[in-house]
Amino acid sequence: MTQPPQPPPGQNGPKLRNHVYDGIQEFDQRLPNWWLYTLYGAIAFSIVYWFAHMVAKVVPADGTQVDAEMARIAAVKMAGSIDVTNDDIFWEMSGNPVFVEAGKQTYTSLCAACHLASLRGKGENPAAVGPDLTDTAWIHGGTPKEVYHTVSAGVLAKGMPAWEPVLGQKKTAEVVAFLLSHHRKGEPVTVETPK
């Protein structure tokens, strides 16, 4: 093994280490400050980023952000073509958090006065005006399209107004999606006779 060449004594130049590995010789010098600051900055950033994501949960995780955006895109696609005669579309809407949240807001502002915020209506409070919307017994039909028809056309004899002329088809479908989110597809449905 040959010794690496050294600068002559008294001449300033880069110092070389005394070993050679695969024909490569290393300088024996301090790293530049800009390089060290970049390294230390990257380490500090990674610690702050880890703390914000993993410990403090200040920033939502990437998977959560992607899921929320995918739900929003699906909601926009579904809203463009709502077939109010297709039960499967209503069940799909009831699984979409964007539709359900929008329906919840509308329900809370307009329907909770009669059916209560818990959707339990007379099942929770006999003095309530509206029936229980969480059980499987329905007065005017329990399929999604029948629920939609009840919400959109109303039940004037019982004091429930027709909501579709006020809300429009999309918001009415969102309310139905919110109601269906408290049920399971295929659950047994009974139809009660109105009293």
N, C-alpha and C. Protein backbone atom coordinates (compact mmCIF):
# COMPACT_ATOMS: atom_id res chain seq x y z
N MET A 1 0.85 -1.16 0.00
CA MET A 1 0.00 0.00 0.00
C MET A 1 0.90 1.23 0.00
N THR A 2 0.58 2.16 -0.83
CA THR A 2 1.41 3.36 -0.92
C THR A 2 0.85 4.44 -0.02
N GLN A 3 1.71 5.27 0.48
CA GLN A 3 1.29 6.38 1.33
C GLN A 3 0.77 7.50 0.44
N PRO A 4 -0.28 8.17 0.92
CA PRO A 4 -0.81 9.27 0.11
C PRO A 4 0.17 10.42 0.08
N PRO A 5 0.16 11.15 -1.00
CA PRO A 5 1.08 12.29 -1.09
C PRO A 5 0.66 13.38 -0.11
N GLN A 6 1.62 13.97 0.58
CA GLN A 6 1.37 15.06 1.52
C GLN A 6 1.98 16.33 0.93
N PRO A 7 1.38 17.47 1.28
CA PRO A 7 2.00 18.71 0.79
C PRO A 7 3.37 18.91 1.45
N PRO A 8 4.24 19.54 0.77
CA PRO A 8 5.58 19.76 1.34
C PRO A 8 5.50 20.57 2.63
N PRO A 9 6.46 20.37 3.55
CA PRO A 9 6.43 21.11 4.81
C PRO A 9 6.47 22.61 4.56
N GLY A 10 5.66 23.33 5.39
CA GLY A 10 5.61 24.78 5.29
C GLY A 10 4.63 25.26 4.24
N GLN A 11 4.03 24.38 3.46
CA GLN A 11 3.08 24.80 2.44
C GLN A 11 1.68 24.48 2.94
N ASN A 12 0.81 25.48 2.90
CA ASN A 12 -0.56 25.27 3.35
C ASN A 12 -1.36 24.63 2.23
N GLY A 13 -2.13 23.69 2.60
CA GLY A 13 -3.00 22.99 1.64
C GLY A 13 -3.90 22.06 2.41
N PRO A 14 -4.81 21.42 1.75
CA PRO A 14 -5.71 20.52 2.47
C PRO A 14 -4.94 19.33 3.03
N LYS A 15 -5.23 19.02 4.28
CA LYS A 15 -4.58 17.87 4.90
C LYS A 15 -5.29 16.62 4.45
N LEU A 16 -4.52 15.57 4.24
CA LEU A 16 -5.08 14.29 3.83
C LEU A 16 -4.88 13.29 4.94
N ARG A 17 -5.81 12.40 5.09
CA ARG A 17 -5.67 11.34 6.09
C ARG A 17 -4.66 10.32 5.59
N ASN A 18 -4.13 9.55 6.51
CA ASN A 18 -3.05 8.63 6.17
C ASN A 18 -3.53 7.31 5.58
N HIS A 19 -4.81 7.11 5.45
CA HIS A 19 -5.24 5.82 4.91
C HIS A 19 -5.90 6.01 3.54
N VAL A 20 -5.84 4.96 2.76
CA VAL A 20 -6.45 4.93 1.43
C VAL A 20 -7.37 3.71 1.40
N TYR A 21 -8.58 3.90 0.93
CA TYR A 21 -9.54 2.79 0.86
C TYR A 21 -10.09 2.74 -0.55
N ASP A 22 -9.88 1.63 -1.23
CA ASP A 22 -10.30 1.46 -2.63
C ASP A 22 -9.80 2.60 -3.51
N GLY A 23 -8.62 3.05 -3.24
CA GLY A 23 -8.03 4.09 -4.05
C GLY A 23 -8.59 5.48 -3.76
N ILE A 24 -9.37 5.59 -2.70
CA ILE A 24 -9.95 6.89 -2.36
C ILE A 24 -9.26 7.41 -1.12
N GLN A 25 -8.89 8.64 -1.17
CA GLN A 25 -8.20 9.27 -0.06
C GLN A 25 -9.09 10.39 0.48
N GLU A 26 -9.17 10.51 1.83
CA GLU A 26 -10.05 11.50 2.44
C GLU A 26 -9.27 12.72 2.88
N PHE A 27 -9.94 13.87 2.75
CA PHE A 27 -9.39 15.09 3.32
C PHE A 27 -9.67 15.08 4.81
N ASP A 28 -8.82 15.66 5.57
CA ASP A 28 -8.99 15.77 7.01
C ASP A 28 -9.32 17.23 7.33
N GLN A 29 -10.59 17.62 7.01
CA GLN A 29 -11.00 19.00 7.20
C GLN A 29 -12.38 19.06 7.86
N ARG A 30 -12.66 20.19 8.45
CA ARG A 30 -13.96 20.44 9.07
C ARG A 30 -14.98 20.72 7.95
N LEU A 31 -16.22 20.26 8.18
CA LEU A 31 -17.28 20.53 7.20
C LEU A 31 -17.61 22.02 7.18
N PRO A 32 -18.06 22.54 6.04
CA PRO A 32 -18.42 23.96 5.99
C PRO A 32 -19.62 24.25 6.89
N ASN A 33 -19.68 25.46 7.40
CA ASN A 33 -20.77 25.84 8.31
C ASN A 33 -22.14 25.71 7.64
N TRP A 34 -22.27 26.13 6.39
CA TRP A 34 -23.57 26.05 5.73
C TRP A 34 -24.07 24.60 5.69
N TRP A 35 -23.14 23.66 5.51
CA TRP A 35 -23.53 22.25 5.47
C TRP A 35 -23.98 21.79 6.85
N LEU A 36 -23.25 22.19 7.89
CA LEU A 36 -23.61 21.82 9.25
C LEU A 36 -24.95 22.43 9.66
N TYR A 37 -25.18 23.71 9.30
CA TYR A 37 -26.46 24.36 9.63
C TYR A 37 -27.62 23.65 8.93
N THR A 38 -27.38 23.22 7.71
CA THR A 38 -28.43 22.48 6.98
C THR A 38 -28.74 21.17 7.69
N LEU A 39 -27.70 20.45 8.11
CA LEU A 39 -27.89 19.20 8.83
C LEU A 39 -28.65 19.42 10.14
N TYR A 40 -28.20 20.39 10.95
CA TYR A 40 -28.84 20.64 12.23
C TYR A 40 -30.28 21.14 12.04
N GLY A 41 -30.51 21.95 11.02
CA GLY A 41 -31.87 22.43 10.72
C GLY A 41 -32.79 21.29 10.34
N ALA A 42 -32.29 20.34 9.54
CA ALA A 42 -33.10 19.18 9.14
C ALA A 42 -33.44 18.32 10.35
N ILE A 43 -32.49 18.16 11.27
CA ILE A 43 -32.75 17.39 12.49
C ILE A 43 -33.81 18.09 13.34
N ALA A 44 -33.68 19.40 13.52
CA ALA A 44 -34.66 20.16 14.32
C ALA A 44 -36.03 20.09 13.67
N PHE A 45 -36.10 20.25 12.34
CA PHE A 45 -37.38 20.18 11.63
C PHE A 45 -38.03 18.82 11.80
N SER A 46 -37.24 17.75 11.71
CA SER A 46 -37.80 16.41 11.85
C SER A 46 -38.37 16.18 13.24
N ILE A 47 -37.72 16.73 14.26
CA ILE A 47 -38.23 16.58 15.63
C ILE A 47 -39.54 17.35 15.78
N VAL A 48 -39.62 18.58 15.28
CA VAL A 48 -40.85 19.37 15.36
C VAL A 48 -41.96 18.70 14.56
N TYR A 49 -41.65 18.23 13.37
CA TYR A 49 -42.63 17.57 12.51
C TYR A 49 -43.17 16.30 13.18
N TRP A 50 -42.27 15.51 13.75
CA TRP A 50 -42.69 14.29 14.45
C TRP A 50 -43.59 14.64 15.63
N PHE A 51 -43.22 15.63 16.41
CA PHE A 51 -44.02 16.02 17.57
C PHE A 51 -45.41 16.50 17.13
N ALA A 52 -45.48 17.33 16.09
CA ALA A 52 -46.76 17.87 15.63
C ALA A 52 -47.68 16.77 15.11
N HIS A 53 -47.13 15.79 14.41
CA HIS A 53 -47.94 14.72 13.83
C HIS A 53 -48.26 13.60 14.82
N MET A 54 -47.27 13.14 15.53
CA MET A 54 -47.42 11.93 16.32
C MET A 54 -47.84 12.15 17.77
N VAL A 55 -47.32 13.20 18.38
CA VAL A 55 -47.59 13.41 19.81
C VAL A 55 -48.74 14.38 20.01
N ALA A 56 -48.61 15.60 19.49
CA ALA A 56 -49.62 16.63 19.72
C ALA A 56 -50.84 16.48 18.81
N LYS A 57 -50.70 15.79 17.70
CA LYS A 57 -51.78 15.60 16.71
C LYS A 57 -52.34 16.94 16.26
N VAL A 58 -51.47 17.96 16.18
CA VAL A 58 -51.88 19.28 15.72
C VAL A 58 -52.20 19.22 14.22
N VAL A 59 -51.39 18.52 13.49
CA VAL A 59 -51.58 18.35 12.05
C VAL A 59 -52.17 16.96 11.82
N PRO A 60 -53.29 16.85 11.10
CA PRO A 60 -53.85 15.52 10.88
C PRO A 60 -52.89 14.64 10.07
N ALA A 61 -52.97 13.36 10.32
CA ALA A 61 -52.11 12.41 9.61
C ALA A 61 -52.43 12.43 8.12
N ASP A 62 -51.46 12.05 7.31
CA ASP A 62 -51.65 12.07 5.87
C ASP A 62 -52.81 11.18 5.45
N GLY A 63 -52.92 10.01 6.06
CA GLY A 63 -54.02 9.09 5.71
C GLY A 63 -55.37 9.71 5.99
N THR A 64 -55.49 10.43 7.09
CA THR A 64 -56.75 11.09 7.44
C THR A 64 -57.07 12.17 6.42
N GLN A 65 -56.08 12.93 6.02
CA GLN A 65 -56.29 13.98 5.03
C GLN A 65 -56.71 13.39 3.68
N VAL A 66 -56.07 12.30 3.30
CA VAL A 66 -56.41 11.66 2.02
C VAL A 66 -57.83 11.10 2.08
N ASP A 67 -58.18 10.44 3.19
CA ASP A 67 -59.54 9.89 3.32
C ASP A 67 -60.59 10.98 3.27
N ALA A 68 -60.34 12.10 3.94
CA ALA A 68 -61.30 13.21 3.93
C ALA A 68 -61.45 13.79 2.52
N GLU A 69 -60.35 13.92 1.81
CA GLU A 69 -60.42 14.46 0.45
C GLU A 69 -61.13 13.49 -0.50
N MET A 70 -60.87 12.18 -0.33
CA MET A 70 -61.56 11.18 -1.16
C MET A 70 -63.06 11.18 -0.88
N ALA A 71 -63.45 11.35 0.39
CA ALA A 71 -64.88 11.42 0.74
C ALA A 71 -65.50 12.67 0.12
N ARG A 72 -64.77 13.78 0.14
CA ARG A 72 -65.30 15.01 -0.46
C ARG A 72 -65.50 14.85 -1.97
N ILE A 73 -64.53 14.22 -2.63
CA ILE A 73 -64.63 14.00 -4.08
C ILE A 73 -65.81 13.08 -4.39
N ALA A 74 -65.95 12.01 -3.60
CA ALA A 74 -67.08 11.09 -3.80
C ALA A 74 -68.40 11.80 -3.59
N ALA A 75 -68.46 12.70 -2.59
CA ALA A 75 -69.69 13.45 -2.33
C ALA A 75 -70.04 14.36 -3.50
N VAL A 76 -69.03 14.99 -4.08
CA VAL A 76 -69.27 15.86 -5.24
C VAL A 76 -69.79 15.04 -6.42
N LYS A 77 -69.20 13.87 -6.64
CA LYS A 77 -69.66 13.00 -7.74
C LYS A 77 -71.09 12.53 -7.51
N MET A 78 -71.39 12.11 -6.26
CA MET A 78 -72.75 11.63 -5.97
C MET A 78 -73.77 12.76 -6.07
N ALA A 79 -73.39 13.96 -5.65
CA ALA A 79 -74.32 15.08 -5.66
C ALA A 79 -74.69 15.48 -7.08
N GLY A 80 -73.82 15.18 -8.02
CA GLY A 80 -74.09 15.54 -9.41
C GLY A 80 -75.20 14.71 -10.03
N SER A 81 -75.42 13.51 -9.52
CA SER A 81 -76.43 12.64 -10.12
C SER A 81 -77.15 11.84 -9.03
N ILE A 82 -78.05 12.50 -8.32
CA ILE A 82 -78.80 11.82 -7.27
C ILE A 82 -80.05 11.20 -7.89
N ASP A 83 -80.09 9.89 -7.88
CA ASP A 83 -81.27 9.16 -8.34
C ASP A 83 -82.08 8.81 -7.10
N VAL A 84 -83.17 9.54 -6.87
CA VAL A 84 -83.93 9.38 -5.63
C VAL A 84 -84.76 8.09 -5.62
N THR A 85 -84.70 7.31 -6.69
CA THR A 85 -85.41 6.03 -6.71
C THR A 85 -84.46 4.86 -6.46
N ASN A 86 -83.16 5.14 -6.30
CA ASN A 86 -82.17 4.09 -6.14
C ASN A 86 -81.73 4.01 -4.68
N ASP A 87 -82.15 2.94 -3.99
CA ASP A 87 -81.82 2.76 -2.58
C ASP A 87 -80.32 2.64 -2.35
N ASP A 88 -79.60 1.99 -3.29
CA ASP A 88 -78.16 1.79 -3.11
C ASP A 88 -77.40 3.11 -3.04
N ILE A 89 -77.83 4.09 -3.82
CA ILE A 89 -77.16 5.40 -3.79
C ILE A 89 -77.35 6.05 -2.42
N PHE A 90 -78.56 5.91 -1.86
CA PHE A 90 -78.79 6.49 -0.53
C PHE A 90 -77.93 5.79 0.52
N TRP A 91 -77.76 4.47 0.42
CA TRP A 91 -76.90 3.77 1.37
C TRP A 91 -75.44 4.19 1.20
N GLU A 92 -75.04 4.42 -0.06
CA GLU A 92 -73.67 4.89 -0.32
C GLU A 92 -73.47 6.28 0.29
N MET A 93 -74.48 7.14 0.14
CA MET A 93 -74.40 8.48 0.74
C MET A 93 -74.32 8.40 2.26
N SER A 94 -75.03 7.45 2.85
CA SER A 94 -75.05 7.35 4.31
C SER A 94 -73.69 6.89 4.86
N GLY A 95 -72.84 6.35 4.01
CA GLY A 95 -71.50 5.96 4.43
C GLY A 95 -70.46 7.02 4.15
N ASN A 96 -70.87 8.13 3.51
CA ASN A 96 -69.94 9.20 3.17
C ASN A 96 -70.00 10.28 4.24
N PRO A 97 -68.88 10.52 4.96
CA PRO A 97 -68.91 11.48 6.07
C PRO A 97 -69.26 12.90 5.66
N VAL A 98 -68.96 13.28 4.42
CA VAL A 98 -69.28 14.64 3.96
C VAL A 98 -70.79 14.80 3.86
N PHE A 99 -71.46 13.81 3.24
CA PHE A 99 -72.93 13.85 3.13
C PHE A 99 -73.57 13.81 4.50
N VAL A 100 -73.09 12.91 5.35
CA VAL A 100 -73.69 12.73 6.68
C VAL A 100 -73.55 14.01 7.50
N GLU A 101 -72.38 14.64 7.47
CA GLU A 101 -72.18 15.87 8.25
C GLU A 101 -73.06 17.00 7.73
N ALA A 102 -73.17 17.13 6.42
CA ALA A 102 -74.05 18.17 5.85
C ALA A 102 -75.51 17.90 6.23
N GLY A 103 -75.91 16.63 6.18
CA GLY A 103 -77.27 16.27 6.56
C GLY A 103 -77.52 16.51 8.04
N LYS A 104 -76.51 16.26 8.86
CA LYS A 104 -76.65 16.49 10.31
C LYS A 104 -76.88 17.97 10.60
N GLN A 105 -76.14 18.84 9.91
CA GLN A 105 -76.31 20.27 10.12
C GLN A 105 -77.72 20.72 9.75
N THR A 106 -78.23 20.23 8.62
CA THR A 106 -79.58 20.60 8.20
C THR A 106 -80.60 20.03 9.17
N TYR A 107 -80.41 18.77 9.56
CA TYR A 107 -81.33 18.13 10.51
C TYR A 107 -81.36 18.90 11.83
N THR A 108 -80.19 19.28 12.33
CA THR A 108 -80.11 19.98 13.61
C THR A 108 -80.84 21.32 13.55
N SER A 109 -80.72 22.00 12.43
CA SER A 109 -81.34 23.33 12.34
C SER A 109 -82.84 23.26 12.05
N LEU A 110 -83.32 22.21 11.37
CA LEU A 110 -84.73 22.19 10.97
C LEU A 110 -85.56 21.08 11.60
N CYS A 111 -84.98 19.92 11.81
CA CYS A 111 -85.77 18.75 12.20
C CYS A 111 -85.71 18.43 13.68
N ALA A 112 -84.65 18.87 14.35
CA ALA A 112 -84.45 18.50 15.75
C ALA A 112 -85.54 19.05 16.67
N ALA A 113 -86.22 20.10 16.25
CA ALA A 113 -87.28 20.67 17.09
C ALA A 113 -88.41 19.66 17.30
N CYS A 114 -88.71 18.85 16.30
CA CYS A 114 -89.79 17.86 16.42
C CYS A 114 -89.28 16.45 16.73
N HIS A 115 -88.14 16.07 16.13
CA HIS A 115 -87.62 14.70 16.28
C HIS A 115 -86.50 14.60 17.31
N LEU A 116 -86.13 15.71 17.93
CA LEU A 116 -85.07 15.82 18.93
C LEU A 116 -83.69 15.61 18.28
N ALA A 117 -82.67 16.14 18.93
CA ALA A 117 -81.30 16.04 18.40
C ALA A 117 -80.82 14.60 18.37
N SER A 118 -81.37 13.75 19.26
CA SER A 118 -80.97 12.35 19.32
C SER A 118 -81.68 11.50 18.27
N LEU A 119 -82.60 12.07 17.50
CA LEU A 119 -83.43 11.39 16.50
C LEU A 119 -84.47 10.46 17.14
N ARG A 120 -84.57 10.45 18.45
CA ARG A 120 -85.45 9.50 19.14
C ARG A 120 -86.87 10.00 19.27
N GLY A 121 -87.14 11.26 19.09
CA GLY A 121 -88.49 11.79 19.11
C GLY A 121 -89.33 11.28 20.26
N LYS A 122 -90.52 10.75 19.94
CA LYS A 122 -91.44 10.24 20.96
C LYS A 122 -90.86 9.04 21.71
N GLY A 123 -89.90 8.35 21.14
CA GLY A 123 -89.28 7.23 21.83
C GLY A 123 -88.50 7.67 23.06
N GLU A 124 -87.99 8.90 23.03
CA GLU A 124 -87.24 9.44 24.15
C GLU A 124 -88.11 10.34 25.03
N ASN A 125 -88.95 11.11 24.38
CA ASN A 125 -89.79 12.06 25.11
C ASN A 125 -91.20 12.00 24.55
N PRO A 126 -92.16 11.44 25.28
CA PRO A 126 -93.53 11.32 24.77
C PRO A 126 -94.16 12.66 24.38
N ALA A 127 -93.64 13.76 24.90
CA ALA A 127 -94.17 15.07 24.55
C ALA A 127 -93.65 15.57 23.20
N ALA A 128 -92.66 14.89 22.63
CA ALA A 128 -92.11 15.30 21.34
C ALA A 128 -93.15 15.10 20.24
N VAL A 129 -93.04 15.88 19.19
CA VAL A 129 -94.01 15.84 18.10
C VAL A 129 -93.70 14.70 17.12
N GLY A 130 -92.44 14.54 16.75
CA GLY A 130 -92.06 13.58 15.72
C GLY A 130 -91.78 12.19 16.26
N PRO A 131 -91.91 11.17 15.42
CA PRO A 131 -91.63 9.80 15.85
C PRO A 131 -90.14 9.51 15.96
N ASP A 132 -89.83 8.37 16.53
CA ASP A 132 -88.44 7.90 16.69
C ASP A 132 -87.90 7.53 15.30
N LEU A 133 -86.75 8.07 14.96
CA LEU A 133 -86.14 7.80 13.65
C LEU A 133 -84.97 6.82 13.75
N THR A 134 -84.71 6.28 14.95
CA THR A 134 -83.58 5.36 15.11
C THR A 134 -84.01 3.91 15.17
N ASP A 135 -85.30 3.65 15.38
CA ASP A 135 -85.75 2.26 15.43
C ASP A 135 -86.03 1.75 14.02
N THR A 136 -86.46 0.52 13.91
CA THR A 136 -86.72 -0.07 12.58
C THR A 136 -88.20 -0.05 12.23
N ALA A 137 -89.00 0.60 13.05
CA ALA A 137 -90.43 0.72 12.75
C ALA A 137 -90.67 2.08 12.10
N TRP A 138 -91.18 2.05 10.88
CA TRP A 138 -91.42 3.28 10.12
C TRP A 138 -92.91 3.41 9.85
N ILE A 139 -93.41 4.62 9.85
CA ILE A 139 -94.84 4.85 9.63
C ILE A 139 -95.14 4.95 8.14
N HIS A 140 -94.29 5.57 7.38
CA HIS A 140 -94.55 5.84 5.96
C HIS A 140 -93.59 5.08 5.05
N GLY A 141 -93.07 3.95 5.49
CA GLY A 141 -92.16 3.14 4.70
C GLY A 141 -90.72 3.39 5.10
N GLY A 142 -89.95 2.32 5.17
CA GLY A 142 -88.59 2.42 5.69
C GLY A 142 -87.49 2.24 4.69
N THR A 143 -87.80 2.04 3.40
CA THR A 143 -86.72 1.97 2.41
C THR A 143 -86.19 3.38 2.19
N PRO A 144 -84.96 3.51 1.76
CA PRO A 144 -84.40 4.86 1.57
C PRO A 144 -85.24 5.75 0.65
N LYS A 145 -85.76 5.20 -0.45
CA LYS A 145 -86.57 6.06 -1.34
C LYS A 145 -87.88 6.47 -0.67
N GLU A 146 -88.42 5.61 0.20
CA GLU A 146 -89.65 5.98 0.92
C GLU A 146 -89.35 7.04 1.99
N VAL A 147 -88.22 6.91 2.65
CA VAL A 147 -87.82 7.93 3.62
C VAL A 147 -87.61 9.25 2.91
N TYR A 148 -86.95 9.20 1.75
CA TYR A 148 -86.74 10.42 0.96
C TYR A 148 -88.09 11.04 0.60
N HIS A 149 -89.03 10.22 0.15
CA HIS A 149 -90.36 10.74 -0.24
C HIS A 149 -91.05 11.40 0.96
N THR A 150 -90.94 10.77 2.14
CA THR A 150 -91.56 11.34 3.34
C THR A 150 -90.95 12.69 3.69
N VAL A 151 -89.62 12.79 3.62
CA VAL A 151 -88.96 14.06 3.95
C VAL A 151 -89.26 15.10 2.89
N SER A 152 -89.23 14.71 1.62
CA SER A 152 -89.41 15.69 0.55
C SER A 152 -90.86 16.16 0.43
N ALA A 153 -91.83 15.25 0.56
CA ALA A 153 -93.24 15.63 0.41
C ALA A 153 -93.88 16.03 1.73
N GLY A 154 -93.29 15.61 2.85
CA GLY A 154 -93.83 15.94 4.16
C GLY A 154 -95.05 15.08 4.49
N VAL A 155 -95.56 15.29 5.68
CA VAL A 155 -96.79 14.63 6.13
C VAL A 155 -97.66 15.75 6.68
N LEU A 156 -98.40 16.37 5.80
CA LEU A 156 -99.15 17.56 6.17
C LEU A 156 -100.19 17.28 7.25
N ALA A 157 -100.77 16.08 7.25
CA ALA A 157 -101.78 15.75 8.26
C ALA A 157 -101.18 15.74 9.66
N LYS A 158 -99.90 15.46 9.78
CA LYS A 158 -99.22 15.42 11.08
C LYS A 158 -98.44 16.71 11.37
N GLY A 159 -98.45 17.65 10.45
CA GLY A 159 -97.77 18.92 10.67
C GLY A 159 -96.35 18.98 10.15
N MET A 160 -95.92 17.95 9.43
CA MET A 160 -94.56 17.97 8.86
C MET A 160 -94.61 18.60 7.48
N PRO A 161 -93.90 19.70 7.27
CA PRO A 161 -93.94 20.36 5.97
C PRO A 161 -93.15 19.58 4.91
N ALA A 162 -93.44 19.89 3.66
CA ALA A 162 -92.67 19.34 2.55
C ALA A 162 -91.34 20.09 2.50
N TRP A 163 -90.24 19.37 2.69
CA TRP A 163 -88.95 20.03 2.81
C TRP A 163 -88.23 20.22 1.48
N GLU A 164 -88.52 19.41 0.47
CA GLU A 164 -87.77 19.55 -0.79
C GLU A 164 -87.96 20.91 -1.46
N PRO A 165 -89.18 21.49 -1.48
CA PRO A 165 -89.30 22.83 -2.06
C PRO A 165 -88.47 23.88 -1.31
N VAL A 166 -88.24 23.66 -0.03
CA VAL A 166 -87.47 24.62 0.78
C VAL A 166 -85.97 24.36 0.64
N LEU A 167 -85.58 23.07 0.74
CA LEU A 167 -84.16 22.72 0.78
C LEU A 167 -83.55 22.42 -0.58
N GLY A 168 -84.33 21.89 -1.47
CA GLY A 168 -83.79 21.40 -2.73
C GLY A 168 -83.46 19.91 -2.61
N GLN A 169 -83.25 19.27 -3.75
CA GLN A 169 -83.04 17.83 -3.77
C GLN A 169 -81.77 17.40 -3.04
N LYS A 170 -80.68 18.13 -3.24
CA LYS A 170 -79.39 17.73 -2.64
C LYS A 170 -79.45 17.77 -1.12
N LYS A 171 -79.93 18.86 -0.54
CA LYS A 171 -79.98 18.97 0.92
C LYS A 171 -80.97 17.96 1.51
N THR A 172 -82.07 17.72 0.80
CA THR A 172 -83.03 16.71 1.28
C THR A 172 -82.37 15.34 1.28
N ALA A 173 -81.61 15.02 0.23
CA ALA A 173 -80.89 13.74 0.17
C ALA A 173 -79.84 13.65 1.28
N GLU A 174 -79.21 14.77 1.62
CA GLU A 174 -78.23 14.77 2.71
C GLU A 174 -78.89 14.45 4.05
N VAL A 175 -80.09 14.98 4.27
CA VAL A 175 -80.82 14.68 5.52
C VAL A 175 -81.15 13.20 5.57
N VAL A 176 -81.60 12.64 4.45
CA VAL A 176 -81.91 11.21 4.40
C VAL A 176 -80.64 10.39 4.64
N ALA A 177 -79.52 10.81 4.08
CA ALA A 177 -78.25 10.11 4.31
C ALA A 177 -77.89 10.14 5.79
N PHE A 178 -78.12 11.27 6.45
CA PHE A 178 -77.85 11.37 7.89
C PHE A 178 -78.76 10.41 8.67
N LEU A 179 -80.04 10.35 8.32
CA LEU A 179 -80.95 9.43 9.00
C LEU A 179 -80.52 7.99 8.78
N LEU A 180 -80.16 7.65 7.55
CA LEU A 180 -79.76 6.27 7.23
C LEU A 180 -78.43 5.89 7.87
N SER A 181 -77.61 6.88 8.22
CA SER A 181 -76.33 6.57 8.86
C SER A 181 -76.54 5.97 10.25
N HIS A 182 -77.74 6.07 10.77
CA HIS A 182 -78.07 5.48 12.07
C HIS A 182 -78.72 4.10 11.90
N HIS A 183 -78.69 3.59 10.68
CA HIS A 183 -79.27 2.27 10.38
C HIS A 183 -78.27 1.46 9.57
N ARG A 184 -78.59 0.18 9.38
CA ARG A 184 -77.75 -0.71 8.58
C ARG A 184 -78.52 -1.16 7.35
N LYS A 185 -77.83 -1.29 6.26
CA LYS A 185 -78.46 -1.79 5.05
C LYS A 185 -78.90 -3.24 5.29
N GLY A 186 -80.14 -3.55 4.94
CA GLY A 186 -80.65 -4.91 5.07
C GLY A 186 -81.27 -5.22 6.42
N GLU A 187 -81.31 -4.24 7.33
CA GLU A 187 -81.93 -4.51 8.63
C GLU A 187 -83.44 -4.70 8.44
N PRO A 188 -84.08 -5.51 9.27
CA PRO A 188 -85.51 -5.73 9.12
C PRO A 188 -86.30 -4.45 9.39
N VAL A 189 -87.20 -4.13 8.50
CA VAL A 189 -87.99 -2.91 8.60
C VAL A 189 -89.45 -3.30 8.75
N THR A 190 -90.12 -2.71 9.73
CA THR A 190 -91.56 -2.91 9.88
C THR A 190 -92.26 -1.59 9.60
N VAL A 191 -93.43 -1.68 9.01
CA VAL A 191 -94.22 -0.49 8.70
C VAL A 191 -95.41 -0.47 9.64
N GLU A 192 -95.48 0.58 10.44
CA GLU A 192 -96.58 0.73 11.37
C GLU A 192 -97.72 1.51 10.71
N THR A 193 -98.91 1.25 11.16
CA THR A 193 -100.04 2.03 10.65
C THR A 193 -100.09 3.34 11.44
N PRO A 194 -100.31 4.45 10.75
CA PRO A 194 -100.35 5.73 11.45
C PRO A 194 -101.50 5.79 12.44
N LYS A 195 -101.25 6.44 13.58
CA LYS A 195 -102.29 6.56 14.61
C LYS A 195 -102.98 7.88 14.51
